[in-house]
PDB file of N, CA and C in Angstrom:
ATOM      1  N   MET A   1       0.850  -1.170   0.000  1.00  0.00           N
ATOM      2  CA  MET A   1       0.000   0.000   0.000  1.00  0.00           C
ATOM      3  C   MET A   1       0.898   1.236   0.000  1.00  0.00           C
ATOM      4  N   ASN A   2       0.587   2.179  -0.873  1.00  0.00           N
ATOM      5  CA  ASN A   2       1.429   3.367  -0.921  1.00  0.00           C
ATOM      6  C   ASN A   2       1.012   4.378   0.145  1.00  0.00           C
ATOM      7  N   ASN A   3       1.826   5.393   0.311  1.00  0.00           N
ATOM      8  CA  ASN A   3       1.622   6.379   1.375  1.00  0.00           C
ATOM      9  C   ASN A   3       0.326   7.163   1.184  1.00  0.00           C
ATOM     10  N   LYS A   4      -0.064   7.445  -0.072  1.00  0.00           N
ATOM     11  CA  LYS A   4      -1.283   8.199  -0.342  1.00  0.00           C
ATOM     12  C   LYS A   4      -2.508   7.460   0.187  1.00  0.00           C
ATOM     13  N   ASN A   5      -2.594   6.147  -0.078  1.00  0.00           N
ATOM     14  CA  ASN A   5      -3.712   5.338   0.429  1.00  0.00           C
ATOM     15  C   ASN A   5      -3.698   5.278   1.945  1.00  0.00           C
ATOM     16  N   SER A   6      -2.513   5.164   2.518  1.00  0.00           N
ATOM     17  CA  SER A   6      -2.385   5.093   3.964  1.00  0.00           C
ATOM     18  C   SER A   6      -2.880   6.382   4.618  1.00  0.00           C
ATOM     19  N   ASP A   7      -2.533   7.526   4.011  1.00  0.00           N
ATOM     20  CA  ASP A   7      -3.015   8.808   4.537  1.00  0.00           C
ATOM     21  C   ASP A   7      -4.531   8.916   4.441  1.00  0.00           C
ATOM     22  N   PHE A   8      -5.099   8.447   3.326  1.00  0.00           N
ATOM     23  CA  PHE A   8      -6.548   8.488   3.135  1.00  0.00           C
ATOM     24  C   PHE A   8      -7.259   7.678   4.210  1.00  0.00           C
ATOM     25  N   LEU A   9      -6.713   6.526   4.552  1.00  0.00           N
ATOM     26  CA  LEU A   9      -7.332   5.652   5.544  1.00  0.00           C
ATOM     27  C   LEU A   9      -7.306   6.245   6.950  1.00  0.00           C
ATOM     28  N   GLU A  10      -6.457   7.238   7.178  1.00  0.00           N
ATOM     29  CA  GLU A  10      -6.377   7.876   8.490  1.00  0.00           C
ATOM     30  C   GLU A  10      -7.347   9.051   8.637  1.00  0.00           C
ATOM     31  N   LEU A  11      -8.014   9.450   7.543  1.00  0.00           N
ATOM     32  CA  LEU A  11      -8.971  10.555   7.615  1.00  0.00           C
ATOM     33  C   LEU A  11     -10.195  10.139   8.421  1.00  0.00           C
ATOM     34  N   VAL A  12     -10.788  11.104   9.102  1.00  0.00           N
ATOM     35  CA  VAL A  12     -11.969  10.855   9.936  1.00  0.00           C
ATOM     36  C   VAL A  12     -13.175  11.535   9.281  1.00  0.00           C
ATOM     37  N   PRO A  13     -14.134  10.745   8.777  1.00  0.00           N
ATOM     38  CA  PRO A  13     -15.312  11.341   8.136  1.00  0.00           C
ATOM     39  C   PRO A  13     -16.374  11.789   9.135  1.00  0.00           C
ATOM     40  N   GLU A  14     -17.162  12.791   8.697  1.00  0.00           N
ATOM     41  CA  GLU A  14     -18.287  13.306   9.486  1.00  0.00           C
ATOM     42  C   GLU A  14     -19.476  13.520   8.560  1.00  0.00           C
ATOM     43  N   HIS A  15     -20.675  13.367   9.087  1.00  0.00           N
ATOM     44  CA  HIS A  15     -21.901  13.577   8.309  1.00  0.00           C
ATOM     45  C   HIS A  15     -22.107  15.068   8.040  1.00  0.00           C
ATOM     46  N   ASN A  16     -22.612  15.374   6.848  1.00  0.00           N
ATOM     47  CA  ASN A  16     -22.953  16.750   6.480  1.00  0.00           C
ATOM     48  C   ASN A  16     -24.440  16.936   6.218  1.00  0.00           C
ATOM     49  N   VAL A  17     -25.202  15.854   6.217  1.00  0.00           N
ATOM     50  CA  VAL A  17     -26.622  15.949   5.885  1.00  0.00           C
ATOM     51  C   VAL A  17     -27.467  15.235   6.933  1.00  0.00           C
ATOM     52  N   ARG A  18     -28.726  15.566   6.905  1.00  0.00           N
ATOM     53  CA  ARG A  18     -29.704  14.919   7.776  1.00  0.00           C
ATOM     54  C   ARG A  18     -29.913  13.488   7.285  1.00  0.00           C
ATOM     55  N   TRP A  19     -30.096  12.546   8.224  1.00  0.00           N
ATOM     56  CA  TRP A  19     -30.311  11.149   7.848  1.00  0.00           C
ATOM     57  C   TRP A  19     -31.178  10.462   8.888  1.00  0.00           C
ATOM     58  N   GLU A  20     -31.715   9.299   8.491  1.00  0.00           N
ATOM     59  CA  GLU A  20     -32.557   8.527   9.401  1.00  0.00           C
ATOM     60  C   GLU A  20     -32.457   7.054   9.066  1.00  0.00           C
ATOM     61  N   ASN A  21     -32.751   6.218  10.055  1.00  0.00           N
ATOM     62  CA  ASN A  21     -32.834   4.767   9.853  1.00  0.00           C
ATOM     63  C   ASN A  21     -34.242   4.413   9.420  1.00  0.00           C
ATOM     64  N   THR A  22     -34.350   3.472   8.482  1.00  0.00           N
ATOM     65  CA  THR A  22     -35.665   2.991   8.078  1.00  0.00           C
ATOM     66  C   THR A  22     -36.033   1.780   8.927  1.00  0.00           C
ATOM     67  N   ALA A  23     -37.244   1.317   8.773  1.00  0.00           N
ATOM     68  CA  ALA A  23     -37.725   0.171   9.556  1.00  0.00           C
ATOM     69  C   ALA A  23     -36.936  -1.096   9.240  1.00  0.00           C
ATOM     70  N   ASN A  24     -36.407  -1.222   8.011  1.00  0.00           N
ATOM     71  CA  ASN A  24     -35.672  -2.446   7.645  1.00  0.00           C
ATOM     72  C   ASN A  24     -34.166  -2.308   7.850  1.00  0.00           C
ATOM     73  N   GLY A  25     -33.736  -1.282   8.575  1.00  0.00           N
ATOM     74  CA  GLY A  25     -32.328  -1.152   8.940  1.00  0.00           C
ATOM     75  C   GLY A  25     -31.464  -0.403   7.945  1.00  0.00           C
ATOM     76  N   GLU A  26     -32.047   0.081   6.851  1.00  0.00           N
ATOM     77  CA  GLU A  26     -31.276   0.871   5.904  1.00  0.00           C
ATOM     78  C   GLU A  26     -31.236   2.333   6.355  1.00  0.00           C
ATOM     79  N   VAL A  27     -30.301   3.060   5.787  1.00  0.00           N
ATOM     80  CA  VAL A  27     -30.152   4.478   6.097  1.00  0.00           C
ATOM     81  C   VAL A  27     -30.649   5.300   4.910  1.00  0.00           C
ATOM     82  N   CYS A  28     -31.439   6.332   5.190  1.00  0.00           N
ATOM     83  CA  CYS A  28     -31.875   7.285   4.172  1.00  0.00           C
ATOM     84  C   CYS A  28     -31.209   8.619   4.453  1.00  0.00           C
ATOM     85  N   LEU A  29     -30.597   9.182   3.413  1.00  0.00           N
ATOM     86  CA  LEU A  29     -29.955  10.484   3.509  1.00  0.00           C
ATOM     87  C   LEU A  29     -30.847  11.517   2.843  1.00  0.00           C
ATOM     88  N   TRP A  30     -30.848  12.715   3.375  1.00  0.00           N
ATOM     89  CA  TRP A  30     -31.605  13.817   2.789  1.00  0.00           C
ATOM     90  C   TRP A  30     -30.597  14.810   2.225  1.00  0.00           C
ATOM     91  N   SER A  31     -30.454  14.788   0.900  1.00  0.00           N
ATOM     92  CA  SER A  31     -29.469  15.617   0.217  1.00  0.00           C
ATOM     93  C   SER A  31     -30.152  16.823  -0.432  1.00  0.00           C
ATOM     94  N   PRO A  32     -29.583  18.020  -0.301  1.00  0.00           N
ATOM     95  CA  PRO A  32     -30.167  19.189  -0.981  1.00  0.00           C
ATOM     96  C   PRO A  32     -30.208  18.964  -2.491  1.00  0.00           C
ATOM     97  N   LYS A  33     -31.313  19.356  -3.146  1.00  0.00           N
ATOM     98  CA  LYS A  33     -31.423  19.180  -4.590  1.00  0.00           C
ATOM     99  C   LYS A  33     -30.421  20.055  -5.328  1.00  0.00           C
ATOM    100  N   TYR A  34     -30.214  21.252  -4.847  1.00  0.00           N
ATOM    101  CA  TYR A  34     -29.300  22.182  -5.512  1.00  0.00           C
ATOM    102  C   TYR A  34     -28.382  22.828  -4.487  1.00  0.00           C
ATOM    103  N   THR A  35     -27.130  23.026  -4.887  1.00  0.00           N
ATOM    104  CA  THR A  35     -26.172  23.709  -4.006  1.00  0.00           C
ATOM    105  C   THR A  35     -25.558  24.929  -4.676  1.00  0.00           C
ATOM    106  N   HIS A  36     -25.741  25.069  -5.981  1.00  0.00           N
ATOM    107  CA  HIS A  36     -25.214  26.235  -6.689  1.00  0.00           C
ATOM    108  C   HIS A  36     -25.945  27.475  -6.175  1.00  0.00           C
ATOM    109  N   PRO A  37     -25.209  28.545  -5.838  1.00  0.00           N
ATOM    110  CA  PRO A  37     -25.846  29.735  -5.245  1.00  0.00           C
ATOM    111  C   PRO A  37     -27.018  30.300  -6.062  1.00  0.00           C
ATOM    112  N   PHE A  38     -26.900  30.331  -7.379  1.00  0.00           N
ATOM    113  CA  PHE A  38     -27.989  30.844  -8.213  1.00  0.00           C
ATOM    114  C   PHE A  38     -29.240  29.990  -8.058  1.00  0.00           C
ATOM    115  N   MET A  39     -29.054  28.682  -8.128  1.00  0.00           N
ATOM    116  CA  MET A  39     -30.183  27.764  -8.013  1.00  0.00           C
ATOM    117  C   MET A  39     -30.824  27.840  -6.621  1.00  0.00           C
ATOM    118  N   VAL A  40     -29.985  27.954  -5.605  1.00  0.00           N
ATOM    119  CA  VAL A  40     -30.495  28.040  -4.228  1.00  0.00           C
ATOM    120  C   VAL A  40     -31.330  29.301  -4.051  1.00  0.00           C
ATOM    121  N   LYS A  41     -30.869  30.398  -4.626  1.00  0.00           N
ATOM    122  CA  LYS A  41     -31.555  31.678  -4.446  1.00  0.00           C
ATOM    123  C   LYS A  41     -32.844  31.779  -5.247  1.00  0.00           C
ATOM    124  N   TYR A  42     -32.821  31.324  -6.518  1.00  0.00           N
ATOM    125  CA  TYR A  42     -33.959  31.564  -7.391  1.00  0.00           C
ATOM    126  C   TYR A  42     -34.868  30.351  -7.646  1.00  0.00           C
ATOM    127  N   LEU A  43     -34.316  29.168  -7.705  1.00  0.00           N
ATOM    128  CA  LEU A  43     -35.130  27.997  -8.036  1.00  0.00           C
ATOM    129  C   LEU A  43     -35.626  27.250  -6.803  1.00  0.00           C
ATOM    130  N   LEU A  44     -34.765  27.065  -5.829  1.00  0.00           N
ATOM    131  CA  LEU A  44     -35.120  26.282  -4.654  1.00  0.00           C
ATOM    132  C   LEU A  44     -36.355  26.803  -3.922  1.00  0.00           C
ATOM    133  N   PRO A  45     -36.521  28.121  -3.777  1.00  0.00           N
ATOM    134  CA  PRO A  45     -37.737  28.599  -3.085  1.00  0.00           C
ATOM    135  C   PRO A  45     -39.035  28.226  -3.799  1.00  0.00           C
ATOM    136  N   LEU A  46     -38.960  27.925  -5.094  1.00  0.00           N
ATOM    137  CA  LEU A  46     -40.163  27.574  -5.858  1.00  0.00           C
ATOM    138  C   LEU A  46     -40.528  26.096  -5.769  1.00  0.00           C
ATOM    139  N   LEU A  47     -39.611  25.289  -5.299  1.00  0.00           N
ATOM    140  CA  LEU A  47     -39.818  23.844  -5.252  1.00  0.00           C
ATOM    141  C   LEU A  47     -40.550  23.420  -3.986  1.00  0.00           C
ATOM    142  N   LYS A  48     -41.418  22.432  -4.141  1.00  0.00           N
ATOM    143  CA  LYS A  48     -42.124  21.888  -2.988  1.00  0.00           C
ATOM    144  C   LYS A  48     -41.171  21.042  -2.139  1.00  0.00           C
ATOM    145  N   LYS A  49     -40.381  20.168  -2.818  1.00  0.00           N
ATOM    146  CA  LYS A  49     -39.416  19.335  -2.117  1.00  0.00           C
ATOM    147  C   LYS A  49     -38.022  19.879  -2.394  1.00  0.00           C
ATOM    148  N   LYS A  50     -37.336  20.303  -1.356  1.00  0.00           N
ATOM    149  CA  LYS A  50     -36.029  20.924  -1.503  1.00  0.00           C
ATOM    150  C   LYS A  50     -34.871  19.940  -1.342  1.00  0.00           C
ATOM    151  N   GLU A  51     -35.198  18.711  -0.959  1.00  0.00           N
ATOM    152  CA  GLU A  51     -34.183  17.688  -0.739  1.00  0.00           C
ATOM    153  C   GLU A  51     -34.523  16.424  -1.518  1.00  0.00           C
ATOM    154  N   THR A  52     -33.490  15.648  -1.800  1.00  0.00           N
ATOM    155  CA  THR A  52     -33.633  14.349  -2.442  1.00  0.00           C
ATOM    156  C   THR A  52     -33.347  13.276  -1.410  1.00  0.00           C
ATOM    157  N   ARG A  53     -34.111  12.226  -1.439  1.00  0.00           N
ATOM    158  CA  ARG A  53     -33.925  11.117  -0.504  1.00  0.00           C
ATOM    159  C   ARG A  53     -33.053  10.052  -1.171  1.00  0.00           C
ATOM    160  N   ILE A  54     -31.990   9.643  -0.495  1.00  0.00           N
ATOM    161  CA  ILE A  54     -31.074   8.624  -0.997  1.00  0.00           C
ATOM    162  C   ILE A  54     -31.073   7.475   0.002  1.00  0.00           C
ATOM    163  N   THR A  55     -31.427   6.266  -0.466  1.00  0.00           N
ATOM    164  CA  THR A  55     -31.431   5.086   0.398  1.00  0.00           C
ATOM    165  C   THR A  55     -30.177   4.272   0.133  1.00  0.00           C
ATOM    166  N   LEU A  56     -29.432   3.976   1.185  1.00  0.00           N
ATOM    167  CA  LEU A  56     -28.198   3.209   1.074  1.00  0.00           C
ATOM    168  C   LEU A  56     -28.478   1.714   1.228  1.00  0.00           C
ATOM    169  N   ASP A  57     -27.646   0.884   0.600  1.00  0.00           N
ATOM    170  CA  ASP A  57     -27.771  -0.562   0.757  1.00  0.00           C
ATOM    171  C   ASP A  57     -27.218  -0.975   2.123  1.00  0.00           C
ATOM    172  N   GLN A  58     -27.179  -2.278   2.405  1.00  0.00           N
ATOM    173  CA  GLN A  58     -26.757  -2.741   3.737  1.00  0.00           C
ATOM    174  C   GLN A  58     -25.318  -2.355   4.055  1.00  0.00           C
ATOM    175  N   TYR A  59     -24.431  -2.389   3.055  1.00  0.00           N
ATOM    176  CA  TYR A  59     -23.027  -2.036   3.300  1.00  0.00           C
ATOM    177  C   TYR A  59     -22.871  -0.544   3.530  1.00  0.00           C
ATOM    178  N   GLY A  60     -23.499   0.242   2.674  1.00  0.00           N
ATOM    179  CA  GLY A  60     -23.447   1.694   2.830  1.00  0.00           C
ATOM    180  C   GLY A  60     -24.088   2.139   4.131  1.00  0.00           C
ATOM    181  N   SER A  61     -25.203   1.500   4.487  1.00  0.00           N
ATOM    182  CA  SER A  61     -25.884   1.840   5.742  1.00  0.00           C
ATOM    183  C   SER A  61     -25.005   1.533   6.945  1.00  0.00           C
ATOM    184  N   PHE A  62     -24.352   0.373   6.914  1.00  0.00           N
ATOM    185  CA  PHE A  62     -23.475   0.009   8.029  1.00  0.00           C
ATOM    186  C   PHE A  62     -22.318   1.008   8.129  1.00  0.00           C
ATOM    187  N   ALA A  63     -21.698   1.324   6.991  1.00  0.00           N
ATOM    188  CA  ALA A  63     -20.585   2.278   6.992  1.00  0.00           C
ATOM    189  C   ALA A  63     -21.048   3.637   7.497  1.00  0.00           C
ATOM    190  N   TRP A  64     -22.223   4.091   7.034  1.00  0.00           N
ATOM    191  CA  TRP A  64     -22.736   5.396   7.439  1.00  0.00           C
ATOM    192  C   TRP A  64     -22.960   5.463   8.948  1.00  0.00           C
ATOM    193  N   MET A  65     -23.498   4.386   9.506  1.00  0.00           N
ATOM    194  CA  MET A  65     -23.757   4.372  10.948  1.00  0.00           C
ATOM    195  C   MET A  65     -22.469   4.283  11.771  1.00  0.00           C
ATOM    196  N   GLN A  66     -21.393   3.779  11.163  1.00  0.00           N
ATOM    197  CA  GLN A  66     -20.099   3.730  11.849  1.00  0.00           C
ATOM    198  C   GLN A  66     -19.444   5.111  11.916  1.00  0.00           C
ATOM    199  N   ILE A  67     -19.831   6.002  11.021  1.00  0.00           N
ATOM    200  CA  ILE A  67     -19.231   7.340  10.967  1.00  0.00           C
ATOM    201  C   ILE A  67     -19.748   8.148  12.148  1.00  0.00           C
ATOM    202  N   ASP A  68     -18.827   8.508  13.027  1.00  0.00           N
ATOM    203  CA  ASP A  68     -19.204   9.242  14.232  1.00  0.00           C
ATOM    204  C   ASP A  68     -18.327  10.454  14.498  1.00  0.00           C
ATOM    205  N   GLY A  69     -17.447  10.786  13.554  1.00  0.00           N
ATOM    206  CA  GLY A  69     -16.548  11.915  13.743  1.00  0.00           C
ATOM    207  C   GLY A  69     -15.335  11.587  14.585  1.00  0.00           C
ATOM    208  N   LYS A  70     -15.207  10.322  15.005  1.00  0.00           N
ATOM    209  CA  LYS A  70     -14.071   9.889  15.825  1.00  0.00           C
ATOM    210  C   LYS A  70     -13.288   8.764  15.157  1.00  0.00           C
ATOM    211  N   LYS A  71     -13.980   7.852  14.486  1.00  0.00           N
ATOM    212  CA  LYS A  71     -13.326   6.716  13.837  1.00  0.00           C
ATOM    213  C   LYS A  71     -12.763   7.136  12.490  1.00  0.00           C
ATOM    214  N   ASN A  72     -11.554   6.645  12.186  1.00  0.00           N
ATOM    215  CA  ASN A  72     -11.000   6.909  10.864  1.00  0.00           C
ATOM    216  C   ASN A  72     -11.493   5.849   9.882  1.00  0.00           C
ATOM    217  N   ILE A  73     -11.177   6.046   8.610  1.00  0.00           N
ATOM    218  CA  ILE A  73     -11.661   5.151   7.560  1.00  0.00           C
ATOM    219  C   ILE A  73     -11.139   3.734   7.762  1.00  0.00           C
ATOM    220  N   ARG A  74      -9.910   3.589   8.225  1.00  0.00           N
ATOM    221  CA  ARG A  74      -9.339   2.263   8.483  1.00  0.00           C
ATOM    222  C   ARG A  74     -10.163   1.526   9.548  1.00  0.00           C
ATOM    223  N   GLN A  75     -10.543   2.225  10.625  1.00  0.00           N
ATOM    224  CA  GLN A  75     -11.327   1.608  11.700  1.00  0.00           C
ATOM    225  C   GLN A  75     -12.728   1.224  11.218  1.00  0.00           C
ATOM    226  N   ILE A  76     -13.316   2.055  10.374  1.00  0.00           N
ATOM    227  CA  ILE A  76     -14.634   1.743   9.817  1.00  0.00           C
ATOM    228  C   ILE A  76     -14.539   0.496   8.941  1.00  0.00           C
ATOM    229  N   GLY A  77     -13.476   0.412   8.143  1.00  0.00           N
ATOM    230  CA  GLY A  77     -13.248  -0.761   7.304  1.00  0.00           C
ATOM    231  C   GLY A  77     -13.088  -2.027   8.126  1.00  0.00           C
ATOM    232  N   ALA A  78     -12.376  -1.931   9.242  1.00  0.00           N
ATOM    233  CA  ALA A  78     -12.189  -3.089  10.117  1.00  0.00           C
ATOM    234  C   ALA A  78     -13.528  -3.542  10.703  1.00  0.00           C
ATOM    235  N   ALA A  79     -14.386  -2.591  11.076  1.00  0.00           N
ATOM    236  CA  ALA A  79     -15.707  -2.940  11.606  1.00  0.00           C
ATOM    237  C   ALA A  79     -16.557  -3.604  10.526  1.00  0.00           C
ATOM    238  N   MET A  80     -16.440  -3.123   9.284  1.00  0.00           N
ATOM    239  CA  MET A  80     -17.186  -3.733   8.181  1.00  0.00           C
ATOM    240  C   MET A  80     -16.704  -5.155   7.910  1.00  0.00           C
ATOM    241  N   LEU A  81     -15.392  -5.344   7.966  1.00  0.00           N
ATOM    242  CA  LEU A  81     -14.823  -6.669   7.747  1.00  0.00           C
ATOM    243  C   LEU A  81     -15.288  -7.641   8.834  1.00  0.00           C
ATOM    244  N   GLN A  82     -15.350  -7.162  10.061  1.00  0.00           N
ATOM    245  CA  GLN A  82     -15.815  -7.997  11.169  1.00  0.00           C
ATOM    246  C   GLN A  82     -17.300  -8.340  11.005  1.00  0.00           C
ATOM    247  N   GLU A  83     -18.092  -7.382  10.523  1.00  0.00           N
ATOM    248  CA  GLU A  83     -19.535  -7.587  10.364  1.00  0.00           C
ATOM    249  C   GLU A  83     -19.885  -8.482   9.166  1.00  0.00           C
ATOM    250  N   PHE A  84     -19.221  -8.260   8.032  1.00  0.00           N
ATOM    251  CA  PHE A  84     -19.610  -8.919   6.792  1.00  0.00           C
ATOM    252  C   PHE A  84     -18.640 -10.003   6.313  1.00  0.00           C
ATOM    253  N   GLY A  85     -17.462 -10.081   6.914  1.00  0.00           N
ATOM    254  CA  GLY A  85     -16.499 -11.107   6.525  1.00  0.00           C
ATOM    255  C   GLY A  85     -15.933 -10.888   5.139  1.00  0.00           C
ATOM    256  N   GLU A  86     -15.561 -11.978   4.496  1.00  0.00           N
ATOM    257  CA  GLU A  86     -14.856 -11.881   3.215  1.00  0.00           C
ATOM    258  C   GLU A  86     -15.744 -11.437   2.059  1.00  0.00           C
ATOM    259  N   LYS A  87     -17.066 -11.443   2.218  1.00  0.00           N
ATOM    260  CA  LYS A  87     -17.923 -10.996   1.114  1.00  0.00           C
ATOM    261  C   LYS A  87     -17.817  -9.485   0.870  1.00  0.00           C
ATOM    262  N   ILE A  88     -17.217  -8.751   1.788  1.00  0.00           N
ATOM    263  CA  ILE A  88     -17.023  -7.310   1.620  1.00  0.00           C
ATOM    264  C   ILE A  88     -15.647  -6.984   1.018  1.00  0.00           C
ATOM    265  N   GLU A  89     -14.796  -7.983   0.865  1.00  0.00           N
ATOM    266  CA  GLU A  89     -13.446  -7.762   0.325  1.00  0.00           C
ATOM    267  C   GLU A  89     -13.490  -7.319  -1.130  1.00  0.00           C
ATOM    268  N   PRO A  90     -12.598  -6.468  -1.575  1.00  0.00           N
ATOM    269  CA  PRO A  90     -11.562  -5.740  -0.842  1.00  0.00           C
ATOM    270  C   PRO A  90     -12.180  -4.535  -0.124  1.00  0.00           C
ATOM    271  N   VAL A  91     -12.274  -4.615   1.184  1.00  0.00           N
ATOM    272  CA  VAL A  91     -13.003  -3.639   1.990  1.00  0.00           C
ATOM    273  C   VAL A  91     -12.435  -2.226   1.871  1.00  0.00           C
ATOM    274  N   GLU A  92     -11.112  -2.066   1.869  1.00  0.00           N
ATOM    275  CA  GLU A  92     -10.542  -0.718   1.802  1.00  0.00           C
ATOM    276  C   GLU A  92     -10.854  -0.051   0.475  1.00  0.00           C
ATOM    277  N   GLN A  93     -10.810  -0.819  -0.601  1.00  0.00           N
ATOM    278  CA  GLN A  93     -11.121  -0.267  -1.918  1.00  0.00           C
ATOM    279  C   GLN A  93     -12.606   0.109  -2.010  1.00  0.00           C
ATOM    280  N   ARG A  94     -13.469  -0.775  -1.575  1.00  0.00           N
ATOM    281  CA  ARG A  94     -14.910  -0.512  -1.640  1.00  0.00           C
ATOM    282  C   ARG A  94     -15.308   0.652  -0.746  1.00  0.00           C
ATOM    283  N   LEU A  95     -14.763   0.687   0.457  1.00  0.00           N
ATOM    284  CA  LEU A  95     -15.062   1.780   1.377  1.00  0.00           C
ATOM    285  C   LEU A  95     -14.508   3.094   0.843  1.00  0.00           C
ATOM    286  N   GLY A  96     -13.325   3.047   0.233  1.00  0.00           N
ATOM    287  CA  GLY A  96     -12.732   4.251  -0.358  1.00  0.00           C
ATOM    288  C   GLY A  96     -13.610   4.831  -1.452  1.00  0.00           C
ATOM    289  N   ILE A  97     -14.171   3.975  -2.295  1.00  0.00           N
ATOM    290  CA  ILE A  97     -15.077   4.435  -3.359  1.00  0.00           C
ATOM    291  C   ILE A  97     -16.322   5.066  -2.744  1.00  0.00           C
ATOM    292  N   PHE A  98     -16.895   4.404  -1.737  1.00  0.00           N
ATOM    293  CA  PHE A  98     -18.077   4.927  -1.058  1.00  0.00           C
ATOM    294  C   PHE A  98     -17.801   6.302  -0.449  1.00  0.00           C
ATOM    295  N   ILE A  99     -16.691   6.423   0.272  1.00  0.00           N
ATOM    296  CA  ILE A  99     -16.342   7.694   0.917  1.00  0.00           C
ATOM    297  C   ILE A  99     -16.133   8.778  -0.136  1.00  0.00           C
ATOM    298  N   ASN A 100     -15.445   8.459  -1.225  1.00  0.00           N
ATOM    299  CA  ASN A 100     -15.217   9.449  -2.286  1.00  0.00           C
ATOM    300  C   ASN A 100     -16.516   9.922  -2.916  1.00  0.00           C
ATOM    301  N   ILE A 101     -17.455   9.005  -3.159  1.00  0.00           N
ATOM    302  CA  ILE A 101     -18.755   9.409  -3.702  1.00  0.00           C
ATOM    303  C   ILE A 101     -19.465  10.345  -2.736  1.00  0.00           C
ATOM    304  N   MET A 102     -19.458   9.994  -1.455  1.00  0.00           N
ATOM    305  CA  MET A 102     -20.114  10.835  -0.447  1.00  0.00           C
ATOM    306  C   MET A 102     -19.444  12.209  -0.332  1.00  0.00           C
ATOM    307  N   LEU A 103     -18.112  12.243  -0.453  1.00  0.00           N
ATOM    308  CA  LEU A 103     -17.391  13.514  -0.407  1.00  0.00           C
ATOM    309  C   LEU A 103     -17.720  14.371  -1.626  1.00  0.00           C
ATOM    310  N   ASN A 104     -17.751  13.754  -2.810  1.00  0.00           N
ATOM    311  CA  ASN A 104     -18.051  14.495  -4.038  1.00  0.00           C
ATOM    312  C   ASN A 104     -19.460  15.080  -4.023  1.00  0.00           C
ATOM    313  N   ARG A 105     -20.386  14.385  -3.397  1.00  0.00           N
ATOM    314  CA  ARG A 105     -21.768  14.874  -3.298  1.00  0.00           C
ATOM    315  C   ARG A 105     -21.972  15.770  -2.078  1.00  0.00           C
ATOM    316  N   LYS A 106     -20.883  16.006  -1.334  1.00  0.00           N
ATOM    317  CA  LYS A 106     -20.881  16.849  -0.134  1.00  0.00           C
ATOM    318  C   LYS A 106     -21.821  16.328   0.961  1.00  0.00           C
ATOM    319  N   LEU A 107     -21.958  15.006   1.010  1.00  0.00           N
ATOM    320  CA  LEU A 107     -22.749  14.371   2.050  1.00  0.00           C
ATOM    321  C   LEU A 107     -21.894  14.090   3.285  1.00  0.00           C
ATOM    322  N   LEU A 108     -20.579  14.034   3.081  1.00  0.00           N
ATOM    323  CA  LEU A 108     -19.605  13.841   4.155  1.00  0.00           C
ATOM    324  C   LEU A 108     -18.520  14.890   4.023  1.00  0.00           C
ATOM    325  N   SER A 109     -17.829  15.107   5.130  1.00  0.00           N
ATOM    326  CA  SER A 109     -16.590  15.877   5.126  1.00  0.00           C
ATOM    327  C   SER A 109     -15.579  15.056   5.913  1.00  0.00           C
ATOM    328  N   VAL A 110     -14.296  15.336   5.735  1.00  0.00           N
ATOM    329  CA  VAL A 110     -13.265  14.620   6.457  1.00  0.00           C
ATOM    330  C   VAL A 110     -12.313  15.599   7.128  1.00  0.00           C
ATOM    331  N   HIS A 111     -11.708  15.131   8.193  1.00  0.00           N
ATOM    332  CA  HIS A 111     -10.657  15.936   8.857  1.00  0.00           C
ATOM    333  C   HIS A 111      -9.544  15.033   9.288  1.00  0.00           C
TER     334      HIS A 111
END
């Protein structure tokens, strides 16, 4: 593993959006429909629903619930490996993709 991946695994993610657990144990995220300042100012006030609902699968839901602002990505991956075993492998790669998608959509932040 190179140093860049190792540094990424030490980052600590935090939630940026409102979320809730569903009755079947999945996580639903409430993401703003628009974040561009023009759209927020002129279009968003006209919309009835200002947020989009995103439902995560069992792996994403488990990872999301592990995010507490204290655990780093490596620790979250270890918890996923313990919960799901080898069917989640390669856990660091899969978790890295998930975290990157969430960061790009501004659903998470890292420190």
